[in-house]
Amino acid sequence: MSRLSDGGSAVTSTRDGPRDECGVFGLYAPGHDASRLSFFALYALQHRGQESAGIAAADRGGHIITRRELGLVNQVFTENDLHTLAGELAIGHVRYSTTGSNAWENSQPVQRSAGTNGSHRELALAHNGNLINAVELHREMLEAGVTFSSTSDSEIIAALIATHPSADVEDAIAEVLPRLKGAFSVVVMTKDRVVAFRDPHGLRPLALGALEPGDDGEVRYCVASESCAFDIIGASFIRDVEPGEVVTLDECGLTSRQVMPGERRAFCIFEYIYFARPDSRMNDQVLQVARGRMGEILWREAPVDADLVIAVPDSGNAAARGLARAAGLPQDDGFVKNRYVARTFIQPGQELRKHGLRLKFNPLPEVVGGKRLVVVDDSIVRGNTTRQIVQMLRDAGAAEVHMRISAPPIKHPCHYGIDMSTREEMIAHDRTVQEIAEELGCTSLHYLSLEGVYEAVRGSRENHCDACFSGSYPLEGTGQARGKYALEESTGPVLPLVQA
């Protein structure tokens, strides 16, 4: 899913690191305010997408109502919206566009309806991931007379399920799932149930949780991209949804069906390093702890004579603490971060644009002046932000700036739902580490080794995808699909949504 246009403002685009993908949530919860719980769960998942947000809700047997809009969760929904979205089951989505431009039509949840075996099927769907065969599926459905209102591959998944002849939505999903190639964690809501499923490689995360029993004593269940969504609504983490598994949340409680055998697991290693919130748990790892170990290993791999450790907030915080702990060096805040700058859509204008990153970070000369600094961040993609950070620290009087990065060099694009720019735009493309250090203007530079990453997360390469570092893509055909994700470039018109 290639991003065709940057809908973010000049303020929010100051960071050139990997862009968050999407976050999904779903629950079946009679006796609970489903849309309100979804709102707060999406609030906890806001870091996974800041371009649009949406909730679809329904009473059992009633109609599905969807509210989706461009903007942050607290900008999209009002108290009146939540009253309108009354119901016992709901799904939600926060989005960063990787396929399709940042337009309202590409926001989620997607809602589809279709006639199936003489009956009427209505569903809403939210998706995190990227289909590498989206163009082929899109063309196939257009030829079959199915029309689309967006350029998102999520609508393709929704249309495939909605138009499937099976009267049972789980059976429809079971037959559609093997046709989908790529990374996907999906929640689907009909009038009476929520169904969630995950790709057979488990590339994108999906967790299962349980709400506290209601007045009737029944346990209600929920699913989310990250376990931090459960914490905010008082739910407990049960387990990860298995690759190739379909779980149903309905009046029977929780049922599970292993639709496809779990293939070679390929969980995204970048979830540990950057994307997921540090308080989330993935694959039995609390990410705050794993990121601290990354910092400790960074120091072991590349010690240096220094006076002070600082982090690039907030992404480098945990690794900086681990590095300082291992080095026995003091740690302090070298930057003050403006935590509200990403909450505005007001463009800074030419007068302020020249200040660039200072809209987000302000260095503290009293802390960094005259010091030999170890500066910790999670990753470098294009290098624009890191270059400005090094220069700001130099301008603030730092004697030395030793950059330490808790990820290996990013040299290859991600085709599974993360925007990492093109290979040619990446600073590590065709450059040695020493050449990158000279380009950034830092005293020294060290990236955490790939072996160090796996040591920190206590995992193995056999169960993860690290293609952005290694160029080894776990899904067959990924290389051939390169550049074909943009549905705007596929043949056939994009028409208003009608019943298929």
Protein backbone atom coordinates (compact mmCIF):
# COMPACT_ATOMS: atom_id res chain seq x y z
CA MET A 1 0.00 0.00 0.00
CA SER A 2 2.09 2.94 -1.20
CA ARG A 3 1.35 6.31 0.24
CA LEU A 4 0.61 8.59 -2.72
CA SER A 5 0.31 11.93 -1.01
CA ASP A 6 1.42 13.30 2.31
CA GLY A 7 -1.69 14.58 4.02
CA GLY A 8 0.17 15.60 7.14
CA SER A 9 0.95 19.19 7.94
CA ALA A 10 4.44 20.65 7.86
CA VAL A 11 4.40 20.42 11.63
CA THR A 12 3.56 16.75 11.83
CA SER A 13 5.98 15.85 9.05
CA THR A 14 9.09 17.06 10.87
CA ARG A 15 9.95 13.51 11.90
CA ASP A 16 11.27 11.49 8.98
CA GLY A 17 11.25 8.14 10.76
CA PRO A 18 8.94 5.25 9.92
CA ARG A 19 5.30 6.29 9.95
CA ASP A 20 2.89 4.43 12.19
CA GLU A 21 0.47 2.18 10.37
CA CYS A 22 -3.05 1.68 11.77
CA GLY A 23 -4.78 0.50 14.92
CA VAL A 24 -7.93 -1.61 15.20
CA PHE A 25 -10.29 -2.45 18.02
CA GLY A 26 -13.49 -4.46 18.39
CA LEU A 27 -15.76 -5.73 21.14
CA TYR A 28 -19.05 -7.50 21.76
CA ALA A 29 -20.29 -6.21 25.09
CA PRO A 30 -24.00 -6.34 26.01
CA GLY A 31 -24.50 -4.32 29.18
CA HIS A 32 -21.61 -2.00 28.31
CA ASP A 33 -21.43 1.26 26.36
CA ALA A 34 -19.60 -0.23 23.39
CA SER A 35 -18.91 2.99 21.45
CA ARG A 36 -17.58 4.78 24.54
CA LEU A 37 -15.24 1.90 25.33
CA SER A 38 -14.13 1.93 21.68
CA PHE A 39 -13.44 5.66 21.87
CA PHE A 40 -11.07 5.26 24.80
CA ALA A 41 -9.44 2.17 23.30
CA LEU A 42 -8.73 4.17 20.13
CA TYR A 43 -7.38 6.96 22.31
CA ALA A 44 -4.83 4.46 23.65
CA LEU A 45 -4.01 3.40 20.07
CA GLN A 46 -3.69 6.96 18.72
CA HIS A 47 0.07 6.54 18.21
CA ARG A 48 -0.65 4.00 15.46
CA GLY A 49 -2.43 6.51 13.23
CA GLN A 50 -3.14 10.23 13.41
CA GLU A 51 -4.84 10.97 10.09
CA SER A 52 -8.35 9.64 10.64
CA ALA A 53 -10.46 7.83 13.19
CA GLY A 54 -13.75 5.96 13.07
CA ILE A 55 -16.19 3.81 15.05
CA ALA A 56 -18.99 1.56 13.79
CA ALA A 57 -21.59 0.34 16.28
CA ALA A 58 -24.82 -1.67 16.31
CA ASP A 59 -27.43 -3.11 18.60
CA ARG A 60 -27.87 -6.85 18.14
CA GLY A 61 -30.06 -7.29 15.10
CA GLY A 62 -30.13 -3.57 14.36
CA HIS A 63 -28.49 -1.46 11.71
CA ILE A 64 -24.80 -0.58 11.70
CA ILE A 65 -24.01 3.11 12.19
CA THR A 66 -20.54 4.39 11.28
CA ARG A 67 -18.88 7.68 12.18
CA ARG A 68 -15.47 8.33 10.61
CA GLU A 69 -13.59 11.51 9.89
CA LEU A 70 -10.15 12.96 9.28
CA GLY A 71 -8.39 14.02 12.46
CA LEU A 72 -7.38 12.71 15.86
CA VAL A 73 -9.75 10.66 18.02
CA ASN A 74 -10.63 13.58 20.29
CA GLN A 75 -11.25 15.80 17.25
CA VAL A 76 -13.50 13.36 15.44
CA PHE A 77 -15.91 12.32 18.20
CA THR A 78 -18.21 14.38 20.39
CA GLU A 79 -20.46 13.29 23.22
CA ASN A 80 -23.40 13.47 20.82
CA ASP A 81 -21.58 11.16 18.39
CA LEU A 82 -21.16 8.53 21.09
CA HIS A 83 -24.87 8.74 21.95
CA THR A 84 -25.70 8.27 18.25
CA LEU A 85 -23.39 5.25 18.12
CA ALA A 86 -25.29 3.47 20.87
CA GLY A 87 -25.09 -0.30 20.73
CA GLU A 88 -23.76 -3.48 22.30
CA LEU A 89 -21.03 -4.17 19.77
CA ALA A 90 -18.57 -1.89 18.01
CA ILE A 91 -15.33 -1.75 16.07
CA GLY A 92 -12.91 1.16 15.72
CA HIS A 93 -9.94 2.30 13.68
CA VAL A 94 -7.19 4.91 13.66
CA ARG A 95 -5.37 5.36 10.38
CA TYR A 96 -2.15 6.41 8.84
CA SER A 97 -2.45 6.01 5.08
CA THR A 98 -0.16 3.50 3.43
CA THR A 99 -2.52 2.58 0.60
CA GLY A 100 -4.68 5.39 -0.71
CA SER A 101 -4.30 9.07 -0.09
CA ASN A 102 -5.31 10.81 3.11
CA ALA A 103 -8.92 11.39 2.03
CA TRP A 104 -12.17 10.90 3.90
CA GLU A 105 -13.13 8.08 1.52
CA ASN A 106 -10.12 6.08 2.73
CA SER A 107 -10.91 6.45 6.43
CA GLN A 108 -12.26 3.45 8.32
CA PRO A 109 -14.22 1.46 9.38
CA VAL A 110 -15.38 0.59 5.87
CA GLN A 111 -19.09 -0.23 5.65
CA ARG A 112 -20.46 -2.53 2.92
CA SER A 113 -23.78 -4.18 2.19
CA ALA A 114 -24.68 -6.78 -0.41
CA GLY A 115 -27.32 -9.32 -1.30
CA THR A 116 -26.19 -12.85 -0.47
CA ASN A 117 -28.28 -15.91 -1.35
CA GLY A 118 -31.43 -13.82 -1.34
CA SER A 119 -30.56 -12.29 2.04
CA HIS A 120 -29.00 -8.96 2.91
CA ARG A 121 -25.53 -8.84 4.45
CA GLU A 122 -24.30 -5.67 6.09
CA LEU A 123 -20.88 -5.34 7.67
CA ALA A 124 -18.26 -2.88 8.83
CA LEU A 125 -14.53 -3.62 8.67
CA ALA A 126 -11.31 -2.18 10.06
CA HIS A 127 -7.88 -3.30 8.86
CA ASN A 128 -4.25 -2.90 9.80
CA GLY A 129 -1.75 -4.05 7.21
CA ASN A 130 -1.10 -4.13 3.48
CA LEU A 131 -2.16 -6.51 0.73
CA ILE A 132 0.55 -7.13 -1.84
CA ASN A 133 -2.04 -8.49 -4.30
CA ALA A 134 -4.49 -5.59 -3.85
CA VAL A 135 -4.31 -4.44 -7.48
CA GLU A 136 -5.07 -7.90 -8.82
CA LEU A 137 -8.04 -8.38 -6.46
CA HIS A 138 -9.31 -4.88 -7.22
CA ARG A 139 -9.25 -5.50 -10.97
CA GLU A 140 -10.91 -8.90 -10.57
CA MET A 141 -13.79 -7.43 -8.57
CA LEU A 142 -14.28 -4.53 -10.94
CA GLU A 143 -14.61 -7.01 -13.79
CA ALA A 144 -17.23 -8.87 -11.74
CA GLY A 145 -19.27 -5.68 -11.41
CA VAL A 146 -18.28 -4.73 -7.87
CA THR A 147 -17.66 -1.01 -7.40
CA PHE A 148 -15.61 0.92 -4.88
CA SER A 149 -15.71 4.35 -3.27
CA SER A 150 -12.11 4.43 -2.03
CA THR A 151 -8.57 3.50 -3.03
CA SER A 152 -7.92 1.46 0.11
CA ASP A 153 -7.25 -2.26 0.06
CA SER A 154 -9.38 -2.48 3.22
CA GLU A 155 -12.48 -1.92 1.09
CA ILE A 156 -11.38 -4.82 -1.13
CA ILE A 157 -11.38 -7.15 1.88
CA ALA A 158 -14.79 -5.83 2.94
CA ALA A 159 -16.22 -6.33 -0.56
CA LEU A 160 -14.86 -9.87 -0.82
CA ILE A 161 -16.56 -10.82 2.45
CA ALA A 162 -19.78 -8.91 1.80
CA THR A 163 -20.32 -10.44 -1.65
CA HIS A 164 -19.37 -14.00 -0.69
CA PRO A 165 -22.29 -16.41 -1.25
CA SER A 166 -22.01 -18.11 2.13
CA ALA A 167 -24.77 -17.10 4.54
CA ASP A 168 -22.38 -17.45 7.47
CA VAL A 169 -19.83 -14.65 7.81
CA GLU A 170 -17.23 -16.94 9.40
CA ASP A 171 -17.48 -19.31 6.42
CA ALA A 172 -17.12 -16.34 4.07
CA ILE A 173 -14.00 -15.18 5.92
CA ALA A 174 -12.59 -18.72 5.91
CA GLU A 175 -12.76 -18.79 2.11
CA VAL A 176 -11.63 -15.20 1.57
CA LEU A 177 -8.64 -15.34 3.92
CA PRO A 178 -6.46 -17.63 1.72
CA ARG A 179 -6.96 -15.23 -1.22
CA LEU A 180 -5.39 -12.35 0.69
CA LYS A 181 -1.62 -12.00 0.28
CA GLY A 182 0.31 -9.74 2.58
CA ALA A 183 -0.05 -8.44 6.11
CA PHE A 184 -3.46 -8.05 7.71
CA SER A 185 -5.09 -7.93 11.11
CA VAL A 186 -8.80 -7.35 10.56
CA VAL A 187 -11.93 -6.84 12.65
CA VAL A 188 -15.34 -7.30 11.03
CA MET A 189 -18.69 -6.41 12.58
CA THR A 190 -22.09 -7.63 11.46
CA LYS A 191 -25.39 -6.84 13.17
CA ASP A 192 -24.86 -9.49 15.83
CA ARG A 193 -21.16 -10.33 16.14
CA VAL A 194 -17.56 -9.19 15.87
CA VAL A 195 -15.13 -11.43 13.99
CA ALA A 196 -11.36 -10.87 13.98
CA PHE A 197 -8.68 -12.60 11.94
CA ARG A 198 -4.96 -12.39 11.28
CA ASP A 199 -2.74 -13.27 8.34
CA PRO A 200 -1.09 -16.72 8.48
CA HIS A 201 2.38 -15.21 9.01
CA GLY A 202 1.27 -12.97 11.91
CA LEU A 203 3.04 -9.93 10.45
CA ARG A 204 0.82 -7.36 12.17
CA PRO A 205 -0.20 -7.64 15.84
CA LEU A 206 -3.65 -8.54 17.16
CA ALA A 207 -4.45 -9.22 20.81
CA LEU A 208 -7.44 -10.76 22.58
CA GLY A 209 -8.78 -9.38 25.85
CA ALA A 210 -11.64 -9.83 28.32
CA LEU A 211 -13.76 -7.18 30.00
CA GLU A 212 -14.78 -7.52 33.62
CA PRO A 213 -18.07 -9.45 33.98
CA GLY A 214 -21.18 -7.29 33.69
CA ASP A 215 -24.28 -7.32 35.85
CA ASP A 216 -25.31 -10.64 34.31
CA GLY A 217 -21.99 -12.20 35.34
CA GLU A 218 -21.02 -12.91 31.73
CA VAL A 219 -17.48 -12.24 30.48
CA ARG A 220 -17.34 -10.08 27.33
CA TYR A 221 -14.42 -10.11 24.94
CA CYS A 222 -12.50 -7.58 22.85
CA VAL A 223 -9.66 -7.48 20.33
CA ALA A 224 -7.10 -4.75 19.66
CA SER A 225 -3.86 -4.07 17.85
CA GLU A 226 -2.14 -3.63 21.22
CA SER A 227 -2.79 -4.67 24.79
CA CYS A 228 -2.53 -1.03 25.99
CA ALA A 229 -6.07 -0.58 24.59
CA PHE A 230 -7.30 -3.11 27.14
CA ASP A 231 -5.68 -1.36 30.09
CA ILE A 232 -7.49 1.92 29.51
CA ILE A 233 -10.96 0.27 29.50
CA GLY A 234 -10.33 -2.08 32.41
CA ALA A 235 -10.00 -5.22 30.29
CA SER A 236 -7.37 -7.90 30.78
CA PHE A 237 -5.01 -9.31 28.18
CA ILE A 238 -5.65 -12.99 27.41
CA ARG A 239 -3.36 -13.86 24.52
CA ASP A 240 -2.38 -12.92 20.98
CA VAL A 241 -4.69 -14.00 18.18
CA GLU A 242 -2.81 -16.75 16.37
CA PRO A 243 -1.68 -16.34 12.75
CA GLY A 244 -4.39 -17.73 10.47
CA GLU A 245 -6.92 -17.82 13.31
CA VAL A 246 -10.48 -16.46 13.17
CA VAL A 247 -12.08 -15.53 16.50
CA THR A 248 -15.77 -14.71 16.94
CA LEU A 249 -17.21 -12.56 19.73
CA ASP A 250 -20.97 -12.99 20.07
CA GLU A 251 -23.74 -14.14 22.39
CA CYS A 252 -21.93 -17.48 22.82
CA GLY A 253 -18.90 -15.65 24.21
CA LEU A 254 -15.66 -16.48 22.42
CA THR A 255 -15.17 -19.09 19.72
CA SER A 256 -12.05 -19.78 17.70
CA ARG A 257 -11.36 -21.40 14.35
CA GLN A 258 -7.93 -22.07 12.87
CA VAL A 259 -8.72 -21.35 9.23
CA MET A 260 -5.19 -21.59 7.87
CA PRO A 261 -2.25 -23.41 9.38
CA GLY A 262 0.21 -20.97 10.83
CA GLU A 263 2.95 -20.61 8.24
CA ARG A 264 6.49 -19.41 8.84
CA ARG A 265 5.89 -16.73 11.47
CA ALA A 266 7.09 -13.28 10.50
CA PHE A 267 6.06 -10.83 13.20
CA CYS A 268 7.28 -7.30 12.45
CA ILE A 269 10.45 -6.66 14.45
CA PHE A 270 9.82 -2.91 14.26
CA GLU A 271 6.85 -3.25 16.60
CA TYR A 272 9.32 -3.94 19.40
CA ILE A 273 11.67 -1.13 18.42
CA TYR A 274 9.31 1.73 17.69
CA PHE A 275 5.67 1.30 16.70
CA ALA A 276 3.96 -0.19 19.72
CA ARG A 277 3.48 1.70 22.95
CA PRO A 278 6.10 0.82 25.58
CA ASP A 279 3.41 -0.43 27.99
CA SER A 280 2.05 -2.94 25.46
CA ARG A 281 2.79 -6.65 25.63
CA MET A 282 3.62 -8.55 22.45
CA ASN A 283 4.73 -12.16 22.18
CA ASP A 284 5.16 -12.29 25.96
CA GLN A 285 7.41 -9.22 25.92
CA VAL A 286 6.72 -5.96 27.76
CA LEU A 287 8.16 -3.53 25.24
CA GLN A 288 9.47 -1.01 27.76
CA VAL A 289 11.68 -3.73 29.22
CA ALA A 290 12.82 -5.00 25.81
CA ARG A 291 13.73 -1.47 24.70
CA GLY A 292 15.74 -0.98 27.86
CA ARG A 293 17.72 -4.10 26.98
CA MET A 294 18.37 -2.63 23.53
CA GLY A 295 20.07 0.32 25.21
CA GLU A 296 22.17 -1.94 27.40
CA ILE A 297 23.33 -3.92 24.37
CA LEU A 298 24.05 -0.68 22.46
CA TRP A 299 26.50 0.30 25.16
CA ARG A 300 28.09 -3.13 25.17
CA GLU A 301 28.56 -2.97 21.40
CA ALA A 302 29.86 0.61 21.25
CA PRO A 303 31.12 2.16 24.50
CA VAL A 304 32.55 5.68 24.33
CA ASP A 305 34.08 8.23 26.67
CA ALA A 306 31.17 10.53 27.48
CA ASP A 307 29.68 12.74 30.18
CA LEU A 308 25.92 12.46 29.70
CA VAL A 309 23.22 10.33 28.08
CA ILE A 310 20.18 12.00 26.53
CA ALA A 311 17.27 10.63 24.51
CA VAL A 312 15.52 11.96 21.46
CA PRO A 313 12.05 12.08 23.04
CA ASP A 314 9.96 10.09 23.24
CA SER A 315 11.03 7.24 21.00
CA GLY A 316 14.53 6.98 22.46
CA ASN A 317 13.58 7.18 26.14
CA ALA A 318 13.59 3.52 27.15
CA ALA A 319 16.77 2.65 25.26
CA ALA A 320 18.53 5.73 26.69
CA ARG A 321 17.69 4.63 30.21
CA GLY A 322 19.06 1.16 29.49
CA LEU A 323 22.24 2.55 27.96
CA ALA A 324 22.83 4.96 30.87
CA ARG A 325 22.25 2.13 33.32
CA ALA A 326 24.78 -0.11 31.58
CA ALA A 327 27.32 2.70 31.17
CA GLY A 328 27.00 4.07 34.69
CA LEU A 329 26.54 7.52 33.19
CA PRO A 330 24.10 10.21 34.29
CA GLN A 331 21.02 10.78 32.14
CA ASP A 332 19.14 14.04 31.68
CA ASP A 333 16.66 15.72 29.36
CA GLY A 334 18.62 17.40 26.59
CA PHE A 335 15.45 18.49 24.82
CA VAL A 336 12.09 19.83 25.89
CA LYS A 337 9.41 18.38 23.63
CA ASN A 338 6.32 20.31 22.64
CA ARG A 339 3.75 17.56 23.09
CA TYR A 340 0.94 19.52 21.46
CA VAL A 341 2.52 20.43 18.15
CA ALA A 342 1.11 17.34 16.41
CA ARG A 343 -2.41 18.24 17.55
CA THR A 344 -2.78 21.17 15.19
CA PHE A 345 -3.49 21.25 11.49
CA ILE A 346 -2.39 24.89 11.21
CA GLN A 347 0.53 25.28 8.84
CA PRO A 348 3.50 27.15 10.38
CA GLY A 349 4.03 29.43 7.38
CA GLN A 350 7.25 30.44 5.73
CA GLU A 351 8.45 32.60 8.62
CA LEU A 352 8.43 29.64 11.02
CA ARG A 353 9.17 26.88 8.53
CA LYS A 354 12.89 27.65 8.56
CA HIS A 355 12.99 26.70 12.23
CA GLY A 356 11.87 23.20 11.29
CA LEU A 357 12.34 20.79 14.15
CA ARG A 358 12.39 23.55 16.79
CA LEU A 359 8.62 23.54 16.55
CA LYS A 360 8.80 20.12 18.19
CA PHE A 361 12.11 19.98 20.11
CA ASN A 362 13.96 22.70 21.97
CA PRO A 363 17.49 21.91 23.25
CA LEU A 364 18.63 22.95 26.73
CA PRO A 365 22.08 24.63 26.53
CA GLU A 366 22.38 24.56 30.32
CA VAL A 367 22.20 20.75 30.23
CA VAL A 368 24.18 19.90 27.08
CA GLY A 369 26.66 22.77 26.89
CA GLY A 370 30.29 21.59 27.04
CA LYS A 371 29.24 17.94 27.42
CA ARG A 372 30.29 14.84 25.53
CA LEU A 373 26.84 13.47 24.76
CA VAL A 374 25.55 10.01 23.98
CA VAL A 375 22.29 10.67 22.12
CA VAL A 376 19.90 7.73 21.79
CA ASP A 377 17.12 7.36 19.21
CA ASP A 378 15.16 4.42 17.86
CA SER A 379 15.90 4.67 14.13
CA ILE A 380 17.10 6.77 11.21
CA VAL A 381 15.41 6.63 7.81
CA ARG A 382 16.14 9.64 5.59
CA GLY A 383 18.36 11.35 8.15
CA ASN A 384 16.81 14.82 7.91
CA THR A 385 15.60 14.86 11.50
CA THR A 386 18.79 13.38 12.93
CA ARG A 387 20.90 15.89 11.04
CA GLN A 388 18.88 18.76 12.54
CA ILE A 389 19.09 17.24 16.03
CA VAL A 390 22.88 16.98 15.82
CA GLN A 391 23.11 20.58 14.60
CA MET A 392 20.82 21.86 17.36
CA LEU A 393 22.97 20.16 19.98
CA ARG A 394 26.12 21.60 18.43
CA ASP A 395 24.52 25.05 18.44
CA ALA A 396 23.59 24.55 22.10
CA GLY A 397 27.28 24.02 22.95
CA ALA A 398 27.68 20.23 23.00
CA ALA A 399 31.35 19.28 22.81
CA GLU A 400 30.72 15.87 21.18
CA VAL A 401 27.60 14.15 19.84
CA HIS A 402 27.75 10.34 19.77
CA MET A 403 24.59 8.99 18.13
CA ARG A 404 23.40 5.56 19.25
CA ILE A 405 20.47 4.00 17.40
CA SER A 406 18.50 1.09 18.86
CA ALA A 407 17.87 -0.44 15.42
CA PRO A 408 20.08 -1.57 12.56
CA PRO A 409 20.40 0.62 9.44
CA ILE A 410 17.14 0.76 7.47
CA LYS A 411 18.02 -0.04 3.86
CA HIS A 412 14.87 -1.53 2.34
CA PRO A 413 11.23 -0.41 2.06
CA CYS A 414 8.44 -2.17 3.91
CA HIS A 415 5.70 -3.67 1.75
CA TYR A 416 3.56 -4.84 4.66
CA GLY A 417 1.90 -1.68 5.94
CA ILE A 418 4.64 0.68 7.12
CA ASP A 419 5.72 3.83 5.30
CA MET A 420 9.52 3.94 5.29
CA SER A 421 10.22 5.91 2.09
CA THR A 422 11.95 4.49 -0.95
CA ARG A 423 15.33 2.79 -0.89
CA GLU A 424 16.97 5.74 -2.63
CA GLU A 425 15.66 8.16 0.02
CA MET A 426 17.14 6.14 2.89
CA ILE A 427 20.37 7.57 4.23
CA ALA A 428 21.82 4.08 4.80
CA HIS A 429 21.35 3.14 1.14
CA ASP A 430 24.79 2.60 -0.42
CA ARG A 431 26.56 4.33 2.51
CA THR A 432 28.86 3.00 5.20
CA VAL A 433 28.21 3.87 8.84
CA GLN A 434 31.19 6.23 8.79
CA GLU A 435 29.82 7.98 5.71
CA ILE A 436 26.44 8.34 7.40
CA ALA A 437 28.10 9.82 10.51
CA GLU A 438 29.88 12.39 8.34
CA GLU A 439 26.61 13.19 6.56
CA LEU A 440 24.85 13.73 9.90
CA GLY A 441 27.70 15.72 11.41
CA CYS A 442 27.96 13.60 14.57
CA THR A 443 31.16 12.64 16.36
CA SER A 444 30.40 8.94 16.10
CA LEU A 445 27.51 6.70 15.12
CA HIS A 446 26.57 3.16 16.04
CA TYR A 447 23.49 1.16 15.07
CA LEU A 448 22.36 -1.77 17.20
CA SER A 449 23.21 -5.00 15.41
CA LEU A 450 20.41 -7.27 14.22
CA GLU A 451 21.75 -9.92 16.57
CA GLY A 452 21.49 -7.39 19.38
CA VAL A 453 17.85 -6.68 18.54
CA TYR A 454 16.93 -10.36 18.73
CA GLU A 455 18.85 -10.75 21.97
CA ALA A 456 16.91 -7.82 23.43
CA VAL A 457 13.49 -9.16 22.40
CA ARG A 458 14.47 -12.73 23.24
CA GLY A 459 13.33 -13.94 19.85
CA SER A 460 14.76 -15.43 16.68
CA ARG A 461 14.89 -14.44 13.02
CA GLU A 462 12.92 -17.56 12.14
CA ASN A 463 9.80 -16.03 13.76
CA HIS A 464 10.08 -12.41 12.65
CA CYS A 465 10.21 -10.13 9.64
CA ASP A 466 13.29 -7.88 9.50
CA ALA A 467 13.12 -7.12 5.77
CA CYS A 468 13.58 -3.36 6.28
CA PHE A 469 17.05 -4.14 7.64
CA SER A 470 18.02 -7.30 5.77
CA GLY A 471 16.05 -7.13 2.51
CA SER A 472 14.81 -10.67 3.17
CA TYR A 473 11.02 -10.55 2.62
CA PRO A 474 9.14 -13.50 4.16
CA LEU A 475 6.26 -13.54 1.64
CA GLU A 476 6.87 -14.99 -1.78
CA GLY A 477 6.27 -12.50 -4.57
CA THR A 478 6.90 -9.38 -2.49
CA GLY A 479 9.72 -8.18 -4.75
CA GLN A 480 7.65 -8.61 -7.90
CA ALA A 481 4.77 -6.68 -6.31
CA ARG A 482 6.96 -3.66 -5.57
CA GLY A 483 5.41 -0.40 -6.75
CA LYS A 484 2.02 -1.93 -7.51
CA TYR A 485 0.23 -1.17 -4.26
CA ALA A 486 -1.19 2.20 -5.25
CA LEU A 487 -4.74 1.43 -6.25
CA GLU A 488 -5.05 4.86 -7.87
CA GLU A 489 -2.77 3.46 -10.59
CA SER A 490 -4.82 0.30 -11.18
CA THR A 491 -7.05 0.02 -14.22
CA GLY A 492 -10.75 0.66 -13.95
CA PRO A 493 -12.73 3.52 -12.49
CA VAL A 494 -13.27 4.16 -8.82
CA LEU A 495 -17.03 4.50 -8.62
CA PRO A 496 -19.47 5.45 -5.84
CA LEU A 497 -20.21 2.61 -3.45
CA VAL A 498 -23.29 0.58 -4.40
CA GLN A 499 -24.62 -2.79 -3.40
CA ALA A 500 -22.65 -5.52 -5.11
